[in-house]
Amino acid sequence: MTASHTFESSHTVNGAGHARVTVAGELDHDTAPYVREAVAACLAKRPKSLRLDLTGICFCDCSGVNALLGARIAVLLAGADLVVEGIGTQLARLLSLIGASDILTEGHASADTILARSE
């Protein structure tokens, strides 16, 4: 999927039940829906885990953060584990400024652990 020349998104689910969503470019109001669509397409195949690769993100605004946090919620509610990789300095700073640096972190988040905390 390509929203503009500055954004790219791809997604795959392999036979072992592991999904991957890769996002690159500018994640903003215009491109955030593509992240939601890619995550939803992967979750429709009921993966065990979803890897969200943000390595290629060069800019992210509040709409992009909202899409990423929504993706996190969707993955964990689907009962899949989430692995986030490649949070760059601009996105890390934005997450810190809005108090979400502990919500969307690099590494592994188990659906069981996260959902147990909320009960």
C-alpha atoms as a PDB file:
ATOM      1  CA  MET A   1       0.000   0.000   0.000  1.00  0.00           C
ATOM      2  CA  THR A   2       1.263   3.450  -0.742  1.00  0.00           C
ATOM      3  CA  ALA A   3      -0.463   6.607   0.443  1.00  0.00           C
ATOM      4  CA  SER A   4       2.094   8.997  -0.986  1.00  0.00           C
ATOM      5  CA  HIS A   5       5.681   9.026  -2.123  1.00  0.00           C
ATOM      6  CA  THR A   6       6.786   9.505   1.503  1.00  0.00           C
ATOM      7  CA  PHE A   7       4.988   6.533   3.065  1.00  0.00           C
ATOM      8  CA  GLU A   8       5.101   2.777   2.648  1.00  0.00           C
ATOM      9  CA  SER A   9       3.355   0.017   4.545  1.00  0.00           C
ATOM     10  CA  SER A  10       3.471  -3.735   4.100  1.00  0.00           C
ATOM     11  CA  HIS A  11       2.143  -6.704   6.011  1.00  0.00           C
ATOM     12  CA  THR A  12       2.552 -10.464   5.960  1.00  0.00           C
ATOM     13  CA  VAL A  13       1.443 -13.472   7.982  1.00  0.00           C
ATOM     14  CA  ASN A  14       3.556 -16.604   7.701  1.00  0.00           C
ATOM     15  CA  GLY A  15       2.422 -20.202   8.049  1.00  0.00           C
ATOM     16  CA  ALA A  16       3.632 -20.389  11.648  1.00  0.00           C
ATOM     17  CA  GLY A  17       1.151 -17.701  12.677  1.00  0.00           C
ATOM     18  CA  HIS A  18       3.546 -14.797  12.954  1.00  0.00           C
ATOM     19  CA  ALA A  19       2.557 -11.487  11.393  1.00  0.00           C
ATOM     20  CA  ARG A  20       4.716  -8.518  10.470  1.00  0.00           C
ATOM     21  CA  VAL A  21       3.675  -4.949   9.697  1.00  0.00           C
ATOM     22  CA  THR A  22       6.418  -2.692   8.373  1.00  0.00           C
ATOM     23  CA  VAL A  23       5.890   1.063   8.193  1.00  0.00           C
ATOM     24  CA  ALA A  24       8.251   3.599   6.618  1.00  0.00           C
ATOM     25  CA  GLY A  25       8.139   7.297   5.877  1.00  0.00           C
ATOM     26  CA  GLU A  26       5.869   9.904   7.402  1.00  0.00           C
ATOM     27  CA  LEU A  27       3.150   8.572   9.681  1.00  0.00           C
ATOM     28  CA  ASP A  28       0.535  11.295   9.926  1.00  0.00           C
ATOM     29  CA  HIS A  29      -3.160  12.073   9.502  1.00  0.00           C
ATOM     30  CA  ASP A  30      -3.142  11.003   5.856  1.00  0.00           C
ATOM     31  CA  THR A  31      -1.201   7.761   6.320  1.00  0.00           C
ATOM     32  CA  ALA A  32      -2.383   6.519   9.736  1.00  0.00           C
ATOM     33  CA  PRO A  33      -5.364   4.631   8.240  1.00  0.00           C
ATOM     34  CA  TYR A  34      -2.939   2.426   6.296  1.00  0.00           C
ATOM     35  CA  VAL A  35      -1.410   1.216   9.567  1.00  0.00           C
ATOM     36  CA  ARG A  36      -4.857   0.377  10.930  1.00  0.00           C
ATOM     37  CA  GLU A  37      -5.723  -1.497   7.726  1.00  0.00           C
ATOM     38  CA  ALA A  38      -2.466  -3.463   7.706  1.00  0.00           C
ATOM     39  CA  VAL A  39      -2.874  -4.513  11.339  1.00  0.00           C
ATOM     40  CA  ALA A  40      -6.528  -5.453  10.801  1.00  0.00           C
ATOM     41  CA  ALA A  41      -5.617  -7.528   7.734  1.00  0.00           C
ATOM     42  CA  CYS A  42      -3.041  -9.440   9.757  1.00  0.00           C
ATOM     43  CA  LEU A  43      -5.345  -9.933  12.746  1.00  0.00           C
ATOM     44  CA  ALA A  44      -8.047 -11.336  10.461  1.00  0.00           C
ATOM     45  CA  LYS A  45      -5.716 -14.319   9.983  1.00  0.00           C
ATOM     46  CA  ARG A  46      -5.488 -14.818  13.783  1.00  0.00           C
ATOM     47  CA  PRO A  47      -1.694 -14.737  14.230  1.00  0.00           C
ATOM     48  CA  LYS A  48       0.025 -15.784  17.448  1.00  0.00           C
ATOM     49  CA  SER A  49       2.184 -12.673  17.354  1.00  0.00           C
ATOM     50  CA  LEU A  50       2.541  -9.464  15.397  1.00  0.00           C
ATOM     51  CA  ARG A  51       5.852  -7.684  14.861  1.00  0.00           C
ATOM     52  CA  LEU A  52       5.440  -3.952  14.269  1.00  0.00           C
ATOM     53  CA  ASP A  53       8.565  -2.633  12.516  1.00  0.00           C
ATOM     54  CA  LEU A  54       8.825   1.149  12.806  1.00  0.00           C
ATOM     55  CA  THR A  55      12.477   1.396  11.773  1.00  0.00           C
ATOM     56  CA  GLY A  56      11.671   3.377   8.629  1.00  0.00           C
ATOM     57  CA  ILE A  57       9.521   6.037  10.311  1.00  0.00           C
ATOM     58  CA  CYS A  58      11.125   9.442   9.759  1.00  0.00           C
ATOM     59  CA  PHE A  59       8.221  11.525  11.116  1.00  0.00           C
ATOM     60  CA  CYS A  60       5.176  10.799  13.248  1.00  0.00           C
ATOM     61  CA  ASP A  61       2.454  13.160  14.415  1.00  0.00           C
ATOM     62  CA  CYS A  62      -0.345  12.655  16.955  1.00  0.00           C
ATOM     63  CA  SER A  63      -2.540  10.887  14.387  1.00  0.00           C
ATOM     64  CA  GLY A  64       0.272   8.433  13.774  1.00  0.00           C
ATOM     65  CA  VAL A  65       0.741   7.841  17.496  1.00  0.00           C
ATOM     66  CA  ASN A  66      -2.998   7.264  17.819  1.00  0.00           C
ATOM     67  CA  ALA A  67      -2.825   4.660  15.038  1.00  0.00           C
ATOM     68  CA  LEU A  68       0.124   2.915  16.719  1.00  0.00           C
ATOM     69  CA  LEU A  69      -1.561   2.863  20.125  1.00  0.00           C
ATOM     70  CA  GLY A  70      -4.761   1.608  18.492  1.00  0.00           C
ATOM     71  CA  ALA A  71      -2.754  -1.112  16.779  1.00  0.00           C
ATOM     72  CA  ARG A  72      -1.287  -2.133  20.134  1.00  0.00           C
ATOM     73  CA  ILE A  73      -4.741  -2.398  21.682  1.00  0.00           C
ATOM     74  CA  ALA A  74      -6.132  -4.345  18.709  1.00  0.00           C
ATOM     75  CA  VAL A  75      -3.258  -6.841  18.740  1.00  0.00           C
ATOM     76  CA  LEU A  76      -3.430  -7.476  22.464  1.00  0.00           C
ATOM     77  CA  LEU A  77      -7.236  -7.741  22.497  1.00  0.00           C
ATOM     78  CA  ALA A  78      -6.970 -10.278  19.689  1.00  0.00           C
ATOM     79  CA  GLY A  79      -4.880 -12.396  22.061  1.00  0.00           C
ATOM     80  CA  ALA A  80      -1.689 -12.047  20.045  1.00  0.00           C
ATOM     81  CA  ASP A  81       1.696 -11.025  21.357  1.00  0.00           C
ATOM     82  CA  LEU A  82       3.124  -7.734  20.119  1.00  0.00           C
ATOM     83  CA  VAL A  83       6.758  -7.062  19.310  1.00  0.00           C
ATOM     84  CA  VAL A  84       7.676  -3.464  18.497  1.00  0.00           C
ATOM     85  CA  GLU A  85      10.996  -2.623  16.921  1.00  0.00           C
ATOM     86  CA  GLY A  86      12.698   0.447  15.550  1.00  0.00           C
ATOM     87  CA  ILE A  87      11.252   3.312  17.601  1.00  0.00           C
ATOM     88  CA  GLY A  88      13.378   6.238  16.426  1.00  0.00           C
ATOM     89  CA  THR A  89      14.321   9.346  18.352  1.00  0.00           C
ATOM     90  CA  GLN A  90      11.507  11.552  16.994  1.00  0.00           C
ATOM     91  CA  LEU A  91       8.817   8.997  17.808  1.00  0.00           C
ATOM     92  CA  ALA A  92      10.386   8.234  21.202  1.00  0.00           C
ATOM     93  CA  ARG A  93      10.387  11.946  22.051  1.00  0.00           C
ATOM     94  CA  LEU A  94       6.744  12.311  21.004  1.00  0.00           C
ATOM     95  CA  LEU A  95       5.731   9.273  23.078  1.00  0.00           C
ATOM     96  CA  SER A  96       7.600  10.737  26.049  1.00  0.00           C
ATOM     97  CA  LEU A  97       5.952  14.145  25.659  1.00  0.00           C
ATOM     98  CA  ILE A  98       2.466  12.653  25.764  1.00  0.00           C
ATOM     99  CA  GLY A  99       3.274  10.242  28.593  1.00  0.00           C
ATOM    100  CA  ALA A 100       3.051   7.115  26.447  1.00  0.00           C
ATOM    101  CA  SER A 101       6.678   6.002  26.458  1.00  0.00           C
ATOM    102  CA  ASP A 102       5.839   3.128  28.803  1.00  0.00           C
ATOM    103  CA  ILE A 103       2.790   2.071  26.756  1.00  0.00           C
ATOM    104  CA  LEU A 104       4.430   1.661  23.361  1.00  0.00           C
ATOM    105  CA  THR A 105       7.928   0.368  23.949  1.00  0.00           C
ATOM    106  CA  GLU A 106      10.396  -1.620  21.923  1.00  0.00           C
ATOM    107  CA  GLY A 107      10.377  -5.286  22.683  1.00  0.00           C
ATOM    108  CA  HIS A 108       7.850  -7.974  23.443  1.00  0.00           C
ATOM    109  CA  ALA A 109       4.423  -7.468  25.035  1.00  0.00           C
ATOM    110  CA  SER A 110       2.495 -10.603  25.874  1.00  0.00           C
ATOM    111  CA  ALA A 111      -1.270 -10.408  25.509  1.00  0.00           C
ATOM    112  CA  ASP A 112      -1.718 -12.495  28.664  1.00  0.00           C
ATOM    113  CA  THR A 113       0.493 -10.218  30.758  1.00  0.00           C
ATOM    114  CA  ILE A 114      -1.033  -6.968  29.514  1.00  0.00           C
ATOM    115  CA  LEU A 115      -4.626  -8.145  29.843  1.00  0.00           C
ATOM    116  CA  ALA A 116      -4.014  -9.575  33.318  1.00  0.00           C
ATOM    117  CA  ARG A 117      -2.759  -6.177  34.484  1.00  0.00           C
ATOM    118  CA  SER A 118      -5.975  -4.486  33.380  1.00  0.00           C
ATOM    119  CA  GLU A 119      -8.241  -6.783  35.415  1.00  0.00           C
END
